[in-house]
N, C-alpha and C. Protein backbone atom coordinates (compact mmCIF):
# COMPACT_ATOMS: atom_id res chain seq x y z
N MET A 1 112.84 21.58 177.97
CA MET A 1 113.55 22.77 177.56
C MET A 1 114.24 22.46 176.23
N ASN A 2 113.99 23.30 175.24
CA ASN A 2 114.65 23.07 173.94
C ASN A 2 116.00 23.78 173.90
N LEU A 3 116.73 23.54 172.84
CA LEU A 3 118.09 24.08 172.74
C LEU A 3 118.11 25.61 172.72
N GLN A 4 117.11 26.22 172.13
CA GLN A 4 117.06 27.69 172.10
C GLN A 4 116.87 28.24 173.52
N GLU A 5 116.03 27.59 174.30
CA GLU A 5 115.82 28.02 175.69
C GLU A 5 117.09 27.82 176.52
N ILE A 6 117.79 26.74 176.25
CA ILE A 6 119.06 26.49 176.95
C ILE A 6 120.06 27.59 176.62
N GLU A 7 120.12 27.98 175.35
CA GLU A 7 121.02 29.05 174.94
C GLU A 7 120.66 30.36 175.63
N GLN A 8 119.37 30.65 175.73
CA GLN A 8 118.93 31.87 176.41
C GLN A 8 119.34 31.85 177.89
N GLN A 9 119.18 30.70 178.53
CA GLN A 9 119.58 30.57 179.93
C GLN A 9 121.08 30.77 180.07
N TYR A 10 121.84 30.18 179.16
CA TYR A 10 123.30 30.34 179.18
C TYR A 10 123.68 31.82 179.10
N ASN A 11 123.07 32.53 178.15
CA ASN A 11 123.36 33.95 177.99
C ASN A 11 122.97 34.74 179.24
N GLN A 12 121.85 34.39 179.84
CA GLN A 12 121.41 35.06 181.06
C GLN A 12 122.40 34.80 182.20
N TYR A 13 122.78 33.55 182.39
CA TYR A 13 123.73 33.20 183.46
C TYR A 13 125.08 33.88 183.25
N THR A 14 125.53 33.91 182.00
CA THR A 14 126.82 34.54 181.70
C THR A 14 126.77 36.03 182.01
N GLY A 15 125.68 36.67 181.63
CA GLY A 15 125.51 38.08 181.95
C GLY A 15 125.51 38.33 183.45
N MET A 16 124.81 37.48 184.18
CA MET A 16 124.75 37.62 185.64
C MET A 16 126.13 37.43 186.26
N TYR A 17 126.90 36.51 185.72
CA TYR A 17 128.24 36.27 186.25
C TYR A 17 129.15 37.47 185.97
N HIS A 18 129.07 37.99 184.76
CA HIS A 18 129.94 39.11 184.39
C HIS A 18 129.60 40.40 185.15
N THR A 19 128.34 40.53 185.55
CA THR A 19 127.96 41.73 186.32
C THR A 19 128.12 41.52 187.82
N GLY A 20 128.52 40.31 188.22
CA GLY A 20 128.75 40.05 189.64
C GLY A 20 127.51 39.68 190.42
N ASP A 21 126.40 39.42 189.72
CA ASP A 21 125.16 39.04 190.40
C ASP A 21 125.23 37.64 190.99
N ILE A 22 126.08 36.79 190.44
CA ILE A 22 126.27 35.44 190.97
C ILE A 22 127.77 35.16 191.09
N THR A 23 128.11 34.26 191.99
CA THR A 23 129.52 33.91 192.19
C THR A 23 129.98 32.93 191.12
N LYS A 24 131.28 32.71 191.09
CA LYS A 24 131.85 31.73 190.15
C LYS A 24 131.27 30.35 190.42
N GLU A 25 131.14 29.99 191.69
CA GLU A 25 130.60 28.67 192.04
C GLU A 25 129.15 28.53 191.59
N GLU A 26 128.35 29.58 191.80
CA GLU A 26 126.96 29.54 191.34
C GLU A 26 126.89 29.42 189.82
N TYR A 27 127.76 30.16 189.15
CA TYR A 27 127.80 30.14 187.69
C TYR A 27 128.12 28.73 187.19
N VAL A 28 129.14 28.11 187.77
CA VAL A 28 129.52 26.76 187.36
C VAL A 28 128.38 25.78 187.63
N ASN A 29 127.73 25.89 188.78
CA ASN A 29 126.60 25.00 189.10
C ASN A 29 125.46 25.17 188.10
N LEU A 30 125.16 26.41 187.76
CA LEU A 30 124.10 26.68 186.79
C LEU A 30 124.46 26.10 185.41
N LEU A 31 125.71 26.28 185.01
CA LEU A 31 126.15 25.74 183.71
C LEU A 31 126.11 24.22 183.71
N GLN A 32 126.45 23.60 184.82
CA GLN A 32 126.37 22.13 184.91
C GLN A 32 124.92 21.67 184.77
N GLY A 33 124.00 22.43 185.35
CA GLY A 33 122.58 22.12 185.18
C GLY A 33 122.14 22.24 183.74
N LEU A 34 122.66 23.25 183.05
CA LEU A 34 122.33 23.41 181.63
C LEU A 34 122.89 22.26 180.81
N GLU A 35 124.05 21.76 181.19
CA GLU A 35 124.65 20.63 180.49
C GLU A 35 123.72 19.42 180.58
N VAL A 36 123.15 19.19 181.74
CA VAL A 36 122.20 18.08 181.93
C VAL A 36 120.96 18.32 181.08
N GLU A 37 120.43 19.54 181.11
CA GLU A 37 119.25 19.86 180.30
C GLU A 37 119.52 19.64 178.82
N LYS A 38 120.71 20.02 178.37
CA LYS A 38 121.08 19.85 176.96
C LYS A 38 121.09 18.37 176.59
N ALA A 39 121.66 17.56 177.45
CA ALA A 39 121.72 16.11 177.18
C ALA A 39 120.32 15.53 177.10
N VAL A 40 119.45 15.92 178.00
CA VAL A 40 118.07 15.43 178.00
C VAL A 40 117.36 15.87 176.73
N SER A 41 117.54 17.14 176.37
CA SER A 41 116.90 17.68 175.18
C SER A 41 117.37 16.98 173.92
N LEU A 42 118.68 16.78 173.80
CA LEU A 42 119.21 16.11 172.62
C LEU A 42 118.74 14.67 172.54
N ASN A 43 118.69 13.98 173.68
CA ASN A 43 118.21 12.60 173.69
C ASN A 43 116.75 12.53 173.28
N ALA A 44 115.94 13.48 173.72
CA ALA A 44 114.53 13.50 173.36
C ALA A 44 114.36 13.75 171.86
N GLU A 45 115.13 14.70 171.33
CA GLU A 45 115.05 14.99 169.89
C GLU A 45 115.52 13.79 169.08
N GLU A 46 116.58 13.14 169.52
CA GLU A 46 117.10 11.98 168.81
C GLU A 46 116.09 10.84 168.85
N LEU A 47 115.45 10.64 169.98
CA LEU A 47 114.45 9.58 170.10
C LEU A 47 113.27 9.84 169.17
N GLN A 48 112.83 11.09 169.10
CA GLN A 48 111.74 11.44 168.21
C GLN A 48 112.13 11.17 166.75
N TYR A 49 113.33 11.55 166.37
CA TYR A 49 113.81 11.32 165.01
C TYR A 49 113.88 9.83 164.70
N LYS A 50 114.41 9.06 165.66
CA LYS A 50 114.51 7.61 165.45
C LYS A 50 113.13 6.99 165.29
N GLU A 51 112.15 7.46 166.07
CA GLU A 51 110.81 6.92 165.97
C GLU A 51 110.19 7.24 164.61
N GLN A 52 110.41 8.47 164.13
CA GLN A 52 109.89 8.84 162.80
C GLN A 52 110.55 7.99 161.71
N LEU A 53 111.84 7.78 161.83
CA LEU A 53 112.56 6.97 160.86
C LEU A 53 112.07 5.52 160.89
N ASN A 54 111.85 5.00 162.09
CA ASN A 54 111.35 3.64 162.23
C ASN A 54 109.97 3.49 161.59
N MET A 55 109.10 4.50 161.77
CA MET A 55 107.77 4.44 161.16
C MET A 55 107.88 4.45 159.64
N ALA A 56 108.77 5.26 159.10
CA ALA A 56 108.95 5.33 157.65
C ALA A 56 109.46 4.00 157.10
N ILE A 57 110.41 3.40 157.80
CA ILE A 57 110.96 2.11 157.36
C ILE A 57 109.88 1.04 157.41
N ASN A 58 109.12 0.99 158.50
CA ASN A 58 108.05 0.00 158.61
C ASN A 58 106.98 0.19 157.55
N ALA A 59 106.66 1.43 157.22
CA ALA A 59 105.69 1.70 156.16
C ALA A 59 106.21 1.22 154.82
N ALA A 60 107.51 1.43 154.57
CA ALA A 60 108.11 0.97 153.31
C ALA A 60 108.11 -0.55 153.24
N ILE A 61 108.39 -1.20 154.36
CA ILE A 61 108.37 -2.67 154.40
C ILE A 61 106.96 -3.18 154.11
N SER A 62 105.98 -2.55 154.74
CA SER A 62 104.58 -2.97 154.52
C SER A 62 104.18 -2.77 153.07
N ALA A 63 104.53 -1.65 152.51
CA ALA A 63 104.18 -1.37 151.12
C ALA A 63 104.87 -2.35 150.17
N ALA A 64 106.13 -2.64 150.43
CA ALA A 64 106.85 -3.58 149.58
C ALA A 64 106.28 -4.98 149.73
N SER A 65 105.84 -5.35 150.90
CA SER A 65 105.27 -6.68 151.12
C SER A 65 103.95 -6.85 150.39
N VAL A 66 103.17 -5.80 150.30
CA VAL A 66 101.89 -5.86 149.58
C VAL A 66 102.14 -6.03 148.10
N LEU A 67 103.16 -5.39 147.58
CA LEU A 67 103.46 -5.46 146.17
C LEU A 67 104.11 -6.77 145.76
N ALA A 68 104.70 -7.47 146.71
CA ALA A 68 105.44 -8.68 146.39
C ALA A 68 104.53 -9.87 146.13
């Protein structure tokens, strides 16, 4: 689940809570689940970024080593 999907879920849950479709306890439980999803999503995005950065650094090292 990406951050945009998490935001959509948040808006949906908030609307359901405000209209009385879910209880306060259900709302809190759903939001806690979204908090976990957000952490997983951010960690996945960060890992992908770190891997791309690592590849770029390794490519630069290889290129510099060839020139040396």
